Amino acid sequence: MAVYAVSFKIEGDAASGERRDDFVKQVKEGGEYCWDETAAFVIVAAPEATIEAFCKRLDKSSFDETKDRYFVYHPESGRARIRGRFKDMRSLSLLMPGLE
């Protein structure tokens, strides 16, 4: 199992609860264990060995990249991926040089 850290924000609107539930379901799908004690940050051991495969699963959710955003970090490879509109890309890329 590969370990991923996922941080996300689902913008509030009439469908945000459904999008959040669907996104979290995809994050946890097939995971061996999951830490999600805070509202929008999850650490999960997932069956996908690559960040590309893991993010492909997340893209199956009802996540709306025009409103929502997520950040996934794969500590083993040092790679990170984002989706959605982030406001401070400079700071995020300083934190994660492997950001794609």
Protein backbone atom coordinates (compact mmCIF):
# COMPACT_ATOMS: atom_id res chain seq x y z
CA MET A 1 0.00 0.00 0.00
CA ALA A 2 1.17 3.50 -0.86
CA VAL A 3 0.51 6.36 1.57
CA TYR A 4 -1.03 9.65 0.40
CA ALA A 5 -1.83 12.89 2.21
CA VAL A 6 -4.88 14.66 0.78
CA SER A 7 -6.00 18.17 1.61
CA PHE A 8 -9.11 19.63 0.02
CA LYS A 9 -11.73 22.36 0.07
CA ILE A 10 -15.25 21.92 -1.23
CA GLU A 11 -16.88 25.31 -1.80
CA GLY A 12 -20.25 25.69 -0.13
CA ASP A 13 -23.30 25.60 -2.39
CA ALA A 14 -26.46 23.52 -2.75
CA ALA A 15 -24.49 20.43 -3.86
CA SER A 16 -21.38 20.80 -1.68
CA GLY A 17 -22.38 18.14 0.87
CA GLU A 18 -22.88 15.57 -1.86
CA ARG A 19 -19.59 16.52 -3.58
CA ARG A 20 -17.71 16.28 -0.26
CA ASP A 21 -19.18 12.88 0.61
CA ASP A 22 -18.45 11.55 -2.87
CA PHE A 23 -14.88 12.90 -2.86
CA VAL A 24 -14.11 11.44 0.61
CA LYS A 25 -15.61 8.10 -0.48
CA GLN A 26 -13.19 8.01 -3.43
CA VAL A 27 -10.24 8.96 -1.21
CA LYS A 28 -10.98 6.08 1.18
CA GLU A 29 -11.98 3.48 -1.46
CA GLY A 30 -9.94 0.31 -0.97
CA GLY A 31 -7.70 1.92 1.63
CA GLU A 32 -6.18 -0.19 4.36
CA TYR A 33 -6.39 2.54 6.97
CA CYS A 34 -7.27 6.17 7.00
CA TRP A 35 -6.63 9.12 9.33
CA ASP A 36 -9.23 11.82 8.89
CA GLU A 37 -9.65 13.50 12.26
CA THR A 38 -9.65 16.97 10.73
CA ALA A 39 -12.38 17.99 8.29
CA ALA A 40 -10.40 18.43 5.08
CA PHE A 41 -7.15 16.54 5.54
CA VAL A 42 -6.82 12.78 5.09
CA ILE A 43 -3.88 10.38 5.25
CA VAL A 44 -4.73 7.11 3.55
CA ALA A 45 -2.90 3.90 2.65
CA ALA A 46 -4.32 3.20 -0.80
CA PRO A 47 -3.86 0.30 -3.22
CA GLU A 48 -2.71 2.58 -6.06
CA ALA A 49 1.08 2.52 -6.32
CA THR A 50 1.39 5.79 -8.25
CA ILE A 51 0.05 9.28 -7.66
CA GLU A 52 -1.37 9.25 -11.20
CA ALA A 53 -3.49 6.17 -10.46
CA PHE A 54 -4.63 7.54 -7.11
CA CYS A 55 -5.67 10.91 -8.61
CA LYS A 56 -7.45 9.12 -11.46
CA ARG A 57 -9.69 7.51 -8.82
CA LEU A 58 -10.38 10.88 -7.19
CA ASP A 59 -11.42 12.24 -10.57
CA LYS A 60 -14.30 9.73 -10.56
CA SER A 61 -15.96 11.73 -7.76
CA SER A 62 -18.34 14.64 -8.33
CA PHE A 63 -15.49 17.05 -7.49
CA ASP A 64 -16.03 20.34 -9.35
CA GLU A 65 -12.67 21.88 -10.28
CA THR A 66 -14.33 25.23 -11.05
CA LYS A 67 -15.32 25.50 -7.35
CA ASP A 68 -13.35 22.94 -5.35
CA ARG A 69 -9.67 22.14 -4.97
CA TYR A 70 -7.48 19.31 -3.74
CA PHE A 71 -3.82 18.70 -3.06
CA VAL A 72 -2.38 15.16 -2.94
CA TYR A 73 1.11 14.39 -1.67
CA HIS A 74 2.86 11.02 -2.08
CA PRO A 75 5.72 11.04 0.46
CA GLU A 76 7.44 7.96 -0.94
CA SER A 77 8.06 9.61 -4.31
CA GLY A 78 8.05 13.22 -3.09
CA ARG A 79 5.53 14.03 -5.82
CA ALA A 80 2.38 16.09 -5.42
CA ARG A 81 -0.63 16.89 -7.58
CA ILE A 82 -3.31 19.54 -7.43
CA ARG A 83 -6.66 20.04 -9.07
CA GLY A 84 -8.84 23.14 -8.96
CA ARG A 85 -8.04 26.82 -8.61
CA PHE A 86 -5.41 27.54 -5.99
CA LYS A 87 -4.67 31.15 -5.07
CA ASP A 88 -1.08 30.86 -3.81
CA MET A 89 0.78 28.53 -6.16
CA ARG A 90 4.14 30.08 -5.31
CA SER A 91 3.96 29.10 -1.63
CA LEU A 92 2.56 25.69 -2.46
CA SER A 93 5.40 24.96 -4.89
CA LEU A 94 7.96 26.10 -2.28
CA LEU A 95 6.56 23.50 0.09
CA MET A 96 6.34 20.80 -2.57
CA PRO A 97 8.99 21.08 -5.30
CA GLY A 98 7.60 17.87 -6.88
CA LEU A 99 4.25 19.56 -7.55
CA GLU A 100 2.69 18.69 -10.91
